[in-house]
Amino acid sequence: MTSSKRQSRSSRSSPRRQRKGGSRKRVPPARRVALAKVKDDLSRYLKLAADGEIVITRHGRPAGILIGFATEEDWFDYRLEHHPEFLRRIQEARRALQAGQGVPIENVPD
């Protein structure tokens, strides 16, 4: 004897948010550490920064950020994403696409 599936009587939870484009890597929240602690043990905090940003505080207020890289590729990606010339070229390309000056993907050679 097979039973039919019963629909849940509870209300649906809020709809799931759609992921935005970009990196799929989950970024942990930034850790806050006092400047004095970072100065005392920089190598430890540099290792921790490879997993997530560390906000360095001075008198309880954010003063800087420590970003670590797990691989050289992560370092390259960071440099590329923050390079002014690269960002300018991306902006120009977006403007061109919005103006209809792009090439359809079907016309791009393999």
PDB file of N, CA and C in Angstrom:
ATOM      1  N   MET A   1       0.836  -1.159   0.000  1.00  0.00           N
ATOM      2  CA  MET A   1       0.000   0.000   0.000  1.00  0.00           C
ATOM      3  C   MET A   1       0.894   1.239   0.000  1.00  0.00           C
ATOM      4  N   THR A   2       0.648   2.123  -0.915  1.00  0.00           N
ATOM      5  CA  THR A   2       1.447   3.342  -0.992  1.00  0.00           C
ATOM      6  C   THR A   2       0.648   4.504  -0.447  1.00  0.00           C
ATOM      7  N   SER A   3       1.323   5.372   0.219  1.00  0.00           N
ATOM      8  CA  SER A   3       0.637   6.544   0.751  1.00  0.00           C
ATOM      9  C   SER A   3       0.924   7.744  -0.132  1.00  0.00           C
ATOM     10  N   SER A   4      -0.043   8.587  -0.265  1.00  0.00           N
ATOM     11  CA  SER A   4       0.176   9.785  -1.071  1.00  0.00           C
ATOM     12  C   SER A   4       0.901  10.817  -0.217  1.00  0.00           C
ATOM     13  N   LYS A   5       1.622  11.657  -0.873  1.00  0.00           N
ATOM     14  CA  LYS A   5       2.363  12.684  -0.144  1.00  0.00           C
ATOM     15  C   LYS A   5       1.393  13.720   0.390  1.00  0.00           C
ATOM     16  N   ARG A   6       1.588  14.055   1.652  1.00  0.00           N
ATOM     17  CA  ARG A   6       0.747  15.098   2.243  1.00  0.00           C
ATOM     18  C   ARG A   6       1.496  16.404   2.195  1.00  0.00           C
ATOM     19  N   GLN A   7       0.760  17.436   1.892  1.00  0.00           N
ATOM     20  CA  GLN A   7       1.369  18.746   1.864  1.00  0.00           C
ATOM     21  C   GLN A   7       1.504  19.273   3.286  1.00  0.00           C
ATOM     22  N   SER A   8       2.569  19.934   3.553  1.00  0.00           N
ATOM     23  CA  SER A   8       2.803  20.481   4.872  1.00  0.00           C
ATOM     24  C   SER A   8       1.764  21.544   5.190  1.00  0.00           C
ATOM     25  N   ARG A   9       1.312  21.563   6.431  1.00  0.00           N
ATOM     26  CA  ARG A   9       0.330  22.570   6.843  1.00  0.00           C
ATOM     27  C   ARG A   9       1.006  23.828   7.373  1.00  0.00           C
ATOM     28  N   SER A  10       2.269  23.733   7.639  1.00  0.00           N
ATOM     29  CA  SER A  10       2.965  24.908   8.150  1.00  0.00           C
ATOM     30  C   SER A  10       3.155  25.918   7.029  1.00  0.00           C
ATOM     31  N   SER A  11       3.292  27.148   7.404  1.00  0.00           N
ATOM     32  CA  SER A  11       3.471  28.190   6.390  1.00  0.00           C
ATOM     33  C   SER A  11       4.857  28.068   5.775  1.00  0.00           C
ATOM     34  N   ARG A  12       4.929  28.462   4.533  1.00  0.00           N
ATOM     35  CA  ARG A  12       6.224  28.422   3.857  1.00  0.00           C
ATOM     36  C   ARG A  12       7.167  29.415   4.489  1.00  0.00           C
ATOM     37  N   SER A  13       8.392  29.044   4.580  1.00  0.00           N
ATOM     38  CA  SER A  13       9.379  29.983   5.093  1.00  0.00           C
ATOM     39  C   SER A  13       9.625  31.034   4.029  1.00  0.00           C
ATOM     40  N   SER A  14      10.329  32.059   4.399  1.00  0.00           N
ATOM     41  CA  SER A  14      10.591  33.126   3.438  1.00  0.00           C
ATOM     42  C   SER A  14      11.330  32.565   2.234  1.00  0.00           C
ATOM     43  N   PRO A  15      11.051  33.115   1.064  1.00  0.00           N
ATOM     44  CA  PRO A  15      11.706  32.573  -0.135  1.00  0.00           C
ATOM     45  C   PRO A  15      13.220  32.724  -0.046  1.00  0.00           C
ATOM     46  N   ARG A  16      13.904  31.780  -0.646  1.00  0.00           N
ATOM     47  CA  ARG A  16      15.367  31.836  -0.638  1.00  0.00           C
ATOM     48  C   ARG A  16      15.843  32.976  -1.503  1.00  0.00           C
ATOM     49  N   ARG A  17      16.875  33.623  -1.031  1.00  0.00           N
ATOM     50  CA  ARG A  17      17.456  34.696  -1.814  1.00  0.00           C
ATOM     51  C   ARG A  17      18.247  34.107  -2.966  1.00  0.00           C
ATOM     52  N   GLN A  18      18.176  34.754  -4.092  1.00  0.00           N
ATOM     53  CA  GLN A  18      18.929  34.321  -5.256  1.00  0.00           C
ATOM     54  C   GLN A  18      20.377  34.756  -5.088  1.00  0.00           C
ATOM     55  N   ARG A  19      21.289  33.877  -5.438  1.00  0.00           N
ATOM     56  CA  ARG A  19      22.703  34.237  -5.393  1.00  0.00           C
ATOM     57  C   ARG A  19      23.008  35.224  -6.506  1.00  0.00           C
ATOM     58  N   LYS A  20      23.863  36.140  -6.206  1.00  0.00           N
ATOM     59  CA  LYS A  20      24.313  37.084  -7.213  1.00  0.00           C
ATOM     60  C   LYS A  20      25.528  36.499  -7.909  1.00  0.00           C
ATOM     61  N   GLY A  21      25.843  37.029  -9.064  1.00  0.00           N
ATOM     62  CA  GLY A  21      27.010  36.557  -9.800  1.00  0.00           C
ATOM     63  C   GLY A  21      28.282  36.834  -9.036  1.00  0.00           C
ATOM     64  N   GLY A  22      29.364  36.320  -9.508  1.00  0.00           N
ATOM     65  CA  GLY A  22      30.644  36.556  -8.861  1.00  0.00           C
ATOM     66  C   GLY A  22      31.138  35.322  -8.152  1.00  0.00           C
ATOM     67  N   SER A  23      31.995  35.529  -7.223  1.00  0.00           N
ATOM     68  CA  SER A  23      32.632  34.421  -6.529  1.00  0.00           C
ATOM     69  C   SER A  23      31.618  33.619  -5.726  1.00  0.00           C
ATOM     70  N   ARG A  24      31.768  32.312  -5.738  1.00  0.00           N
ATOM     71  CA  ARG A  24      30.894  31.434  -4.978  1.00  0.00           C
ATOM     72  C   ARG A  24      31.515  31.093  -3.631  1.00  0.00           C
ATOM     73  N   LYS A  25      32.707  31.601  -3.399  1.00  0.00           N
ATOM     74  CA  LYS A  25      33.416  31.313  -2.157  1.00  0.00           C
ATOM     75  C   LYS A  25      32.728  32.046  -1.003  1.00  0.00           C
ATOM     76  N   ARG A  26      32.411  31.319   0.042  1.00  0.00           N
ATOM     77  CA  ARG A  26      31.775  31.944   1.192  1.00  0.00           C
ATOM     78  C   ARG A  26      32.820  32.692   2.004  1.00  0.00           C
ATOM     79  N   VAL A  27      32.536  33.936   2.300  1.00  0.00           N
ATOM     80  CA  VAL A  27      33.484  34.772   3.022  1.00  0.00           C
ATOM     81  C   VAL A  27      33.022  34.900   4.466  1.00  0.00           C
ATOM     82  N   PRO A  28      33.836  34.448   5.399  1.00  0.00           N
ATOM     83  CA  PRO A  28      33.449  34.577   6.802  1.00  0.00           C
ATOM     84  C   PRO A  28      33.467  36.047   7.224  1.00  0.00           C
ATOM     85  N   PRO A  29      32.713  36.387   8.268  1.00  0.00           N
ATOM     86  CA  PRO A  29      32.730  37.778   8.723  1.00  0.00           C
ATOM     87  C   PRO A  29      34.125  38.175   9.193  1.00  0.00           C
ATOM     88  N   ALA A  30      34.437  39.442   9.028  1.00  0.00           N
ATOM     89  CA  ALA A  30      35.768  39.927   9.406  1.00  0.00           C
ATOM     90  C   ALA A  30      35.948  39.852  10.921  1.00  0.00           C
ATOM     91  N   ARG A  31      37.128  39.437  11.315  1.00  0.00           N
ATOM     92  CA  ARG A  31      37.489  39.366  12.732  1.00  0.00           C
ATOM     93  C   ARG A  31      38.091  40.711  13.123  1.00  0.00           C
ATOM     94  N   ARG A  32      37.747  41.209  14.296  1.00  0.00           N
ATOM     95  CA  ARG A  32      38.293  42.487  14.783  1.00  0.00           C
ATOM     96  C   ARG A  32      39.371  42.194  15.820  1.00  0.00           C
ATOM     97  N   VAL A  33      40.538  42.795  15.616  1.00  0.00           N
ATOM     98  CA  VAL A  33      41.671  42.566  16.520  1.00  0.00           C
ATOM     99  C   VAL A  33      42.355  43.902  16.795  1.00  0.00           C
ATOM    100  N   ALA A  34      42.728  44.118  18.033  1.00  0.00           N
ATOM    101  CA  ALA A  34      43.426  45.345  18.411  1.00  0.00           C
ATOM    102  C   ALA A  34      44.815  45.385  17.788  1.00  0.00           C
ATOM    103  N   LEU A  35      45.239  46.571  17.425  1.00  0.00           N
ATOM    104  CA  LEU A  35      46.543  46.780  16.800  1.00  0.00           C
ATOM    105  C   LEU A  35      47.670  46.210  17.657  1.00  0.00           C
ATOM    106  N   ALA A  36      47.607  46.389  18.956  1.00  0.00           N
ATOM    107  CA  ALA A  36      48.671  45.886  19.847  1.00  0.00           C
ATOM    108  C   ALA A  36      48.823  44.370  19.724  1.00  0.00           C
ATOM    109  N   LYS A  37      47.694  43.642  19.616  1.00  0.00           N
ATOM    110  CA  LYS A  37      47.768  42.188  19.472  1.00  0.00           C
ATOM    111  C   LYS A  37      48.381  41.799  18.138  1.00  0.00           C
ATOM    112  N   VAL A  38      48.018  42.518  17.092  1.00  0.00           N
ATOM    113  CA  VAL A  38      48.569  42.207  15.766  1.00  0.00           C
ATOM    114  C   VAL A  38      50.072  42.465  15.753  1.00  0.00           C
ATOM    115  N   LYS A  39      50.505  43.553  16.371  1.00  0.00           N
ATOM    116  CA  LYS A  39      51.932  43.860  16.416  1.00  0.00           C
ATOM    117  C   LYS A  39      52.700  42.789  17.184  1.00  0.00           C
ATOM    118  N   ASP A  40      52.109  42.255  18.233  1.00  0.00           N
ATOM    119  CA  ASP A  40      52.778  41.240  19.046  1.00  0.00           C
ATOM    120  C   ASP A  40      52.889  39.897  18.349  1.00  0.00           C
ATOM    121  N   ASP A  41      51.942  39.595  17.454  1.00  0.00           N
ATOM    122  CA  ASP A  41      51.906  38.266  16.844  1.00  0.00           C
ATOM    123  C   ASP A  41      51.461  38.351  15.377  1.00  0.00           C
ATOM    124  N   LEU A  42      52.175  39.130  14.586  1.00  0.00           N
ATOM    125  CA  LEU A  42      51.789  39.379  13.200  1.00  0.00           C
ATOM    126  C   LEU A  42      51.699  38.099  12.370  1.00  0.00           C
ATOM    127  N   SER A  43      52.658  37.197  12.510  1.00  0.00           N
ATOM    128  CA  SER A  43      52.645  35.990  11.683  1.00  0.00           C
ATOM    129  C   SER A  43      51.394  35.153  11.932  1.00  0.00           C
ATOM    130  N   ARG A  44      50.955  35.082  13.175  1.00  0.00           N
ATOM    131  CA  ARG A  44      49.731  34.329  13.496  1.00  0.00           C
ATOM    132  C   ARG A  44      48.524  34.957  12.808  1.00  0.00           C
ATOM    133  N   TYR A  45      48.409  36.272  12.888  1.00  0.00           N
ATOM    134  CA  TYR A  45      47.257  36.943  12.298  1.00  0.00           C
ATOM    135  C   TYR A  45      47.319  36.937  10.769  1.00  0.00           C
ATOM    136  N   LEU A  46      48.497  36.912  10.217  1.00  0.00           N
ATOM    137  CA  LEU A  46      48.626  36.807   8.766  1.00  0.00           C
ATOM    138  C   LEU A  46      48.112  35.450   8.290  1.00  0.00           C
ATOM    139  N   LYS A  47      48.407  34.397   9.042  1.00  0.00           N
ATOM    140  CA  LYS A  47      47.875  33.069   8.704  1.00  0.00           C
ATOM    141  C   LYS A  47      46.356  33.047   8.820  1.00  0.00           C
ATOM    142  N   LEU A  48      45.835  33.658   9.877  1.00  0.00           N
ATOM    143  CA  LEU A  48      44.381  33.713  10.050  1.00  0.00           C
ATOM    144  C   LEU A  48      43.713  34.526   8.937  1.00  0.00           C
ATOM    145  N   ALA A  49      44.410  35.529   8.448  1.00  0.00           N
ATOM    146  CA  ALA A  49      43.853  36.390   7.403  1.00  0.00           C
ATOM    147  C   ALA A  49      43.687  35.651   6.078  1.00  0.00           C
ATOM    148  N   ALA A  50      44.387  34.538   5.900  1.00  0.00           N
ATOM    149  CA  ALA A  50      44.217  33.751   4.675  1.00  0.00           C
ATOM    150  C   ALA A  50      42.804  33.174   4.601  1.00  0.00           C
ATOM    151  N   ASP A  51      42.141  33.006   5.751  1.00  0.00           N
ATOM    152  CA  ASP A  51      40.776  32.484   5.794  1.00  0.00           C
ATOM    153  C   ASP A  51      39.716  33.580   5.790  1.00  0.00           C
ATOM    154  N   GLY A  52      40.082  34.782   6.137  1.00  0.00           N
ATOM    155  CA  GLY A  52      39.127  35.883   6.174  1.00  0.00           C
ATOM    156  C   GLY A  52      39.800  37.162   6.618  1.00  0.00           C
ATOM    157  N   GLU A  53      39.219  38.265   6.215  1.00  0.00           N
ATOM    158  CA  GLU A  53      39.799  39.569   6.551  1.00  0.00           C
ATOM    159  C   GLU A  53      39.845  39.784   8.057  1.00  0.00           C
ATOM    160  N   ILE A  54      40.846  40.526   8.485  1.00  0.00           N
ATOM    161  CA  ILE A  54      40.975  40.893   9.889  1.00  0.00           C
ATOM    162  C   ILE A  54      40.990  42.412   9.961  1.00  0.00           C
ATOM    163  N   VAL A  55      40.008  42.953  10.677  1.00  0.00           N
ATOM    164  CA  VAL A  55      39.937  44.402  10.859  1.00  0.00           C
ATOM    165  C   VAL A  55      40.817  44.748  12.050  1.00  0.00           C
ATOM    166  N   ILE A  56      41.782  45.597  11.810  1.00  0.00           N
ATOM    167  CA  ILE A  56      42.702  46.018  12.870  1.00  0.00           C
ATOM    168  C   ILE A  56      42.123  47.288  13.489  1.00  0.00           C
ATOM    169  N   THR A  57      41.965  47.259  14.804  1.00  0.00           N
ATOM    170  CA  THR A  57      41.369  48.408  15.483  1.00  0.00           C
ATOM    171  C   THR A  57      42.409  49.160  16.303  1.00  0.00           C
ATOM    172  N   ARG A  58      42.164  50.449  16.429  1.00  0.00           N
ATOM    173  CA  ARG A  58      42.991  51.306  17.282  1.00  0.00           C
ATOM    174  C   ARG A  58      42.012  52.029  18.205  1.00  0.00           C
ATOM    175  N   HIS A  59      42.127  51.805  19.485  1.00  0.00           N
ATOM    176  CA  HIS A  59      41.211  52.369  20.475  1.00  0.00           C
ATOM    177  C   HIS A  59      39.764  51.968  20.176  1.00  0.00           C
ATOM    178  N   GLY A  60      39.596  50.717  19.712  1.00  0.00           N
ATOM    179  CA  GLY A  60      38.260  50.194  19.464  1.00  0.00           C
ATOM    180  C   GLY A  60      37.631  50.599  18.141  1.00  0.00           C
ATOM    181  N   ARG A  61      38.323  51.429  17.371  1.00  0.00           N
ATOM    182  CA  ARG A  61      37.785  51.881  16.086  1.00  0.00           C
ATOM    183  C   ARG A  61      38.591  51.258  14.947  1.00  0.00           C
ATOM    184  N   PRO A  62      37.928  50.900  13.847  1.00  0.00           N
ATOM    185  CA  PRO A  62      38.648  50.320  12.700  1.00  0.00           C
ATOM    186  C   PRO A  62      39.738  51.269  12.205  1.00  0.00           C
ATOM    187  N   ALA A  63      40.941  50.726  12.030  1.00  0.00           N
ATOM    188  CA  ALA A  63      42.075  51.538  11.579  1.00  0.00           C
ATOM    189  C   ALA A  63      42.690  50.984  10.300  1.00  0.00           C
ATOM    190  N   GLY A  64      42.446  49.727  10.011  1.00  0.00           N
ATOM    191  CA  GLY A  64      43.023  49.110   8.820  1.00  0.00           C
ATOM    192  C   GLY A  64      42.478  47.706   8.662  1.00  0.00           C
ATOM    193  N   ILE A  65      42.936  47.063   7.625  1.00  0.00           N
ATOM    194  CA  ILE A  65      42.465  45.704   7.364  1.00  0.00           C
ATOM    195  C   ILE A  65      43.647  44.851   6.927  1.00  0.00           C
ATOM    196  N   LEU A  66      43.670  43.621   7.391  1.00  0.00           N
ATOM    197  CA  LEU A  66      44.717  42.671   7.027  1.00  0.00           C
ATOM    198  C   LEU A  66      44.077  41.601   6.161  1.00  0.00           C
ATOM    199  N   ILE A  67      44.605  41.445   4.959  1.00  0.00           N
ATOM    200  CA  ILE A  67      44.081  40.465   4.011  1.00  0.00           C
ATOM    201  C   ILE A  67      45.191  39.478   3.707  1.00  0.00           C
ATOM    202  N   GLY A  68      44.925  38.205   3.900  1.00  0.00           N
ATOM    203  CA  GLY A  68      45.900  37.170   3.607  1.00  0.00           C
ATOM    204  C   GLY A  68      45.510  36.424   2.346  1.00  0.00           C
ATOM    205  N   PHE A  69      46.438  35.699   1.781  1.00  0.00           N
ATOM    206  CA  PHE A  69      46.190  34.942   0.567  1.00  0.00           C
ATOM    207  C   PHE A  69      46.643  33.508   0.779  1.00  0.00           C
ATOM    208  N   ALA A  70      45.742  32.572   0.487  1.00  0.00           N
ATOM    209  CA  ALA A  70      46.061  31.160   0.659  1.00  0.00           C
ATOM    210  C   ALA A  70      47.002  30.671  -0.446  1.00  0.00           C
ATOM    211  N   THR A  71      46.871  31.252  -1.645  1.00  0.00           N
ATOM    212  CA  THR A  71      47.694  30.835  -2.780  1.00  0.00           C
ATOM    213  C   THR A  71      48.166  32.058  -3.551  1.00  0.00           C
ATOM    214  N   GLU A  72      49.126  31.842  -4.431  1.00  0.00           N
ATOM    215  CA  GLU A  72      49.578  32.938  -5.295  1.00  0.00           C
ATOM    216  C   GLU A  72      48.475  33.364  -6.251  1.00  0.00           C
ATOM    217  N   GLU A  73      47.618  32.409  -6.623  1.00  0.00           N
ATOM    218  CA  GLU A  73      46.500  32.748  -7.507  1.00  0.00           C
ATOM    219  C   GLU A  73      45.541  33.719  -6.818  1.00  0.00           C
ATOM    220  N   ASP A  74      45.311  33.523  -5.521  1.00  0.00           N
ATOM    221  CA  ASP A  74      44.470  34.463  -4.764  1.00  0.00           C
ATOM    222  C   ASP A  74      45.092  35.854  -4.778  1.00  0.00           C
ATOM    223  N   TRP A  75      46.402  35.928  -4.639  1.00  0.00           N
ATOM    224  CA  TRP A  75      47.122  37.205  -4.674  1.00  0.00           C
ATOM    225  C   TRP A  75      46.954  37.868  -6.038  1.00  0.00           C
ATOM    226  N   PHE A  76      47.098  37.069  -7.097  1.00  0.00           N
ATOM    227  CA  PHE A  76      46.936  37.593  -8.459  1.00  0.00           C
ATOM    228  C   PHE A  76      45.518  38.109  -8.657  1.00  0.00           C
ATOM    229  N   ASP A  77      44.518  37.328  -8.227  1.00  0.00           N
ATOM    230  CA  ASP A  77      43.118  37.752  -8.371  1.00  0.00           C
ATOM    231  C   ASP A  77      42.866  39.065  -7.643  1.00  0.00           C
ATOM    232  N   TYR A  78      43.389  39.197  -6.442  1.00  0.00           N
ATOM    233  CA  TYR A  78      43.219  40.430  -5.666  1.00  0.00           C
ATOM    234  C   TYR A  78      43.828  41.622  -6.404  1.00  0.00           C
ATOM    235  N   ARG A  79      45.041  41.430  -6.890  1.00  0.00           N
ATOM    236  CA  ARG A  79      45.709  42.523  -7.607  1.00  0.00           C
ATOM    237  C   ARG A  79      44.934  42.917  -8.847  1.00  0.00           C
ATOM    238  N   LEU A  80      44.425  41.930  -9.588  1.00  0.00           N
ATOM    239  CA  LEU A  80      43.670  42.202 -10.799  1.00  0.00           C
ATOM    240  C   LEU A  80      42.375  42.941 -10.476  1.00  0.00           C
ATOM    241  N   GLU A  81      41.657  42.478  -9.469  1.00  0.00           N
ATOM    242  CA  GLU A  81      40.378  43.081  -9.100  1.00  0.00           C
ATOM    243  C   GLU A  81      40.516  44.501  -8.567  1.00  0.00           C
ATOM    244  N   HIS A  82      41.703  44.882  -8.128  1.00  0.00           N
ATOM    245  CA  HIS A  82      41.907  46.212  -7.571  1.00  0.00           C
ATOM    246  C   HIS A  82      42.822  47.087  -8.434  1.00  0.00           C
ATOM    247  N   HIS A  83      43.158  46.622  -9.617  1.00  0.00           N
ATOM    248  CA  HIS A  83      44.042  47.371 -10.504  1.00  0.00           C
ATOM    249  C   HIS A  83      43.225  48.436 -11.244  1.00  0.00           C
ATOM    250  N   PRO A  84      43.598  49.713 -11.132  1.00  0.00           N
ATOM    251  CA  PRO A  84      42.805  50.787 -11.730  1.00  0.00           C
ATOM    252  C   PRO A  84      42.619  50.636 -13.245  1.00  0.00           C
ATOM    253  N   GLU A  85      43.638  50.222 -13.955  1.00  0.00           N
ATOM    254  CA  GLU A  85      43.529  50.073 -15.406  1.00  0.00           C
ATOM    255  C   GLU A  85      42.540  48.969 -15.775  1.00  0.00           C
ATOM    256  N   PHE A  86      42.589  47.858 -15.056  1.00  0.00           N
ATOM    257  CA  PHE A  86      41.656  46.758 -15.301  1.00  0.00           C
ATOM    258  C   PHE A  86      40.224  47.216 -15.028  1.00  0.00           C
ATOM    259  N   LEU A  87      40.005  47.909 -13.915  1.00  0.00           N
ATOM    260  CA  LEU A  87      38.669  48.397 -13.582  1.00  0.00           C
ATOM    261  C   LEU A  87      38.163  49.395 -14.624  1.00  0.00           C
ATOM    262  N   ARG A  88      39.060  50.244 -15.133  1.00  0.00           N
ATOM    263  CA  ARG A  88      38.674  51.204 -16.160  1.00  0.00           C
ATOM    264  C   ARG A  88      38.244  50.487 -17.437  1.00  0.00           C
ATOM    265  N   ARG A  89      38.985  49.458 -17.830  1.00  0.00           N
ATOM    266  CA  ARG A  89      38.647  48.708 -19.044  1.00  0.00           C
ATOM    267  C   ARG A  89      37.322  47.962 -18.899  1.00  0.00           C
ATOM    268  N   ILE A  90      37.047  47.436 -17.718  1.00  0.00           N
ATOM    269  CA  ILE A  90      35.767  46.777 -17.463  1.00  0.00           C
ATOM    270  C   ILE A  90      34.634  47.786 -17.599  1.00  0.00           C
ATOM    271  N   GLN A  91      34.817  48.958 -17.030  1.00  0.00           N
ATOM    272  CA  GLN A  91      33.795  50.005 -17.105  1.00  0.00           C
ATOM    273  C   GLN A  91      33.546  50.421 -18.558  1.00  0.00           C
ATOM    274  N   GLU A  92      34.592  50.565 -19.335  1.00  0.00           N
ATOM    275  CA  GLU A  92      34.447  50.904 -20.754  1.00  0.00           C
ATOM    276  C   GLU A  92      33.694  49.814 -21.512  1.00  0.00           C
ATOM    277  N   ALA A  93      34.011  48.568 -21.217  1.00  0.00           N
ATOM    278  CA  ALA A  93      33.345  47.452 -21.888  1.00  0.00           C
ATOM    279  C   ALA A  93      31.854  47.430 -21.542  1.00  0.00           C
ATOM    280  N   ARG A  94      31.522  47.694 -20.305  1.00  0.00           N
ATOM    281  CA  ARG A  94      30.105  47.732 -19.912  1.00  0.00           C
ATOM    282  C   ARG A  94      29.368  48.849 -20.628  1.00  0.00           C
ATOM    283  N   ARG A  95      29.985  50.013 -20.725  1.00  0.00           N
ATOM    284  CA  ARG A  95      29.360  51.127 -21.450  1.00  0.00           C
ATOM    285  C   ARG A  95      29.135  50.772 -22.913  1.00  0.00           C
ATOM    286  N   ALA A  96      30.127  50.117 -23.513  1.00  0.00           N
ATOM    287  CA  ALA A  96      29.999  49.725 -24.913  1.00  0.00           C
ATOM    288  C   ALA A  96      28.853  48.734 -25.099  1.00  0.00           C
ATOM    289  N   LEU A  97      28.730  47.776 -24.190  1.00  0.00           N
ATOM    290  CA  LEU A  97      27.637  46.805 -24.274  1.00  0.00           C
ATOM    291  C   LEU A  97      26.280  47.486 -24.128  1.00  0.00           C
ATOM    292  N   GLN A  98      26.188  48.436 -23.205  1.00  0.00           N
ATOM    293  CA  GLN A  98      24.932  49.153 -23.015  1.00  0.00           C
ATOM    294  C   GLN A  98      24.576  49.995 -24.231  1.00  0.00           C
ATOM    295  N   ALA A  99      25.584  50.440 -24.963  1.00  0.00           N
ATOM    296  CA  ALA A  99      25.356  51.238 -26.170  1.00  0.00           C
ATOM    297  C   ALA A  99      25.111  50.353 -27.391  1.00  0.00           C
ATOM    298  N   GLY A 100      25.066  49.031 -27.179  1.00  0.00           N
ATOM    299  CA  GLY A 100      24.797  48.111 -28.286  1.00  0.00           C
ATOM    300  C   GLY A 100      26.006  47.842 -29.159  1.00  0.00           C
ATOM    301  N   GLN A 101      27.190  48.070 -28.662  1.00  0.00           N
ATOM    302  CA  GLN A 101      28.402  47.883 -29.457  1.00  0.00           C
ATOM    303  C   GLN A 101      29.065  46.528 -29.182  1.00  0.00           C
ATOM    304  N   GLY A 102      28.389  45.657 -28.488  1.00  0.00           N
ATOM    305  CA  GLY A 102      28.966  44.355 -28.156  1.00  0.00           C
ATOM    306  C   GLY A 102      28.838  43.368 -29.299  1.00  0.00           C
ATOM    307  N   VAL A 103      29.471  42.231 -29.147  1.00  0.00           N
ATOM    308  CA  VAL A 103      29.416  41.138 -30.117  1.00  0.00           C
ATOM    309  C   VAL A 103      28.619  40.003 -29.490  1.00  0.00           C
ATOM    310  N   PRO A 104      27.565  39.505 -30.169  1.00  0.00           N
ATOM    311  CA  PRO A 104      26.806  38.387 -29.601  1.00  0.00           C
ATOM    312  C   PRO A 104      27.711  37.173 -29.381  1.00  0.00           C
ATOM    313  N   ILE A 105      27.429  36.437 -28.325  1.00  0.00           N
ATOM    314  CA  ILE A 105      28.267  35.278 -27.975  1.00  0.00           C
ATOM    315  C   ILE A 105      28.322  34.269 -29.109  1.00  0.00           C
ATOM    316  N   GLU A 106      27.247  34.192 -29.889  1.00  0.00           N
ATOM    317  CA  GLU A 106      27.207  33.243 -31.009  1.00  0.00           C
ATOM    318  C   GLU A 106      28.262  33.589 -32.077  1.00  0.00           C
ATOM    319  N   ASN A 107      28.670  34.849 -32.135  1.00  0.00           N
ATOM    320  CA  ASN A 107      29.633  35.284 -33.142  1.00  0.00           C
ATOM    321  C   ASN A 107      31.075  35.253 -32.660  1.00  0.00           C
ATOM    322  N   VAL A 108      31.290  34.845 -31.423  1.00  0.00           N
ATOM    323  CA  VAL A 108      32.657  34.771 -30.900  1.00  0.00           C
ATOM    324  C   VAL A 108      33.258  33.442 -31.335  1.00  0.00           C
ATOM    325  N   PRO A 109      34.431  33.496 -31.973  1.00  0.00           N
ATOM    326  CA  PRO A 109      35.051  32.243 -32.430  1.00  0.00           C
ATOM    327  C   PRO A 109      35.493  31.388 -31.239  1.00  0.00           C
ATOM    328  N   ASP A 110      35.457  30.071 -31.455  1.00  0.00           N
ATOM    329  CA  ASP A 110      35.870  29.127 -30.406  1.00  0.00           C
ATOM    330  C   ASP A 110      37.337  29.164 -30.168  1.00  0.00           C
TER     331      ASP A 110
END
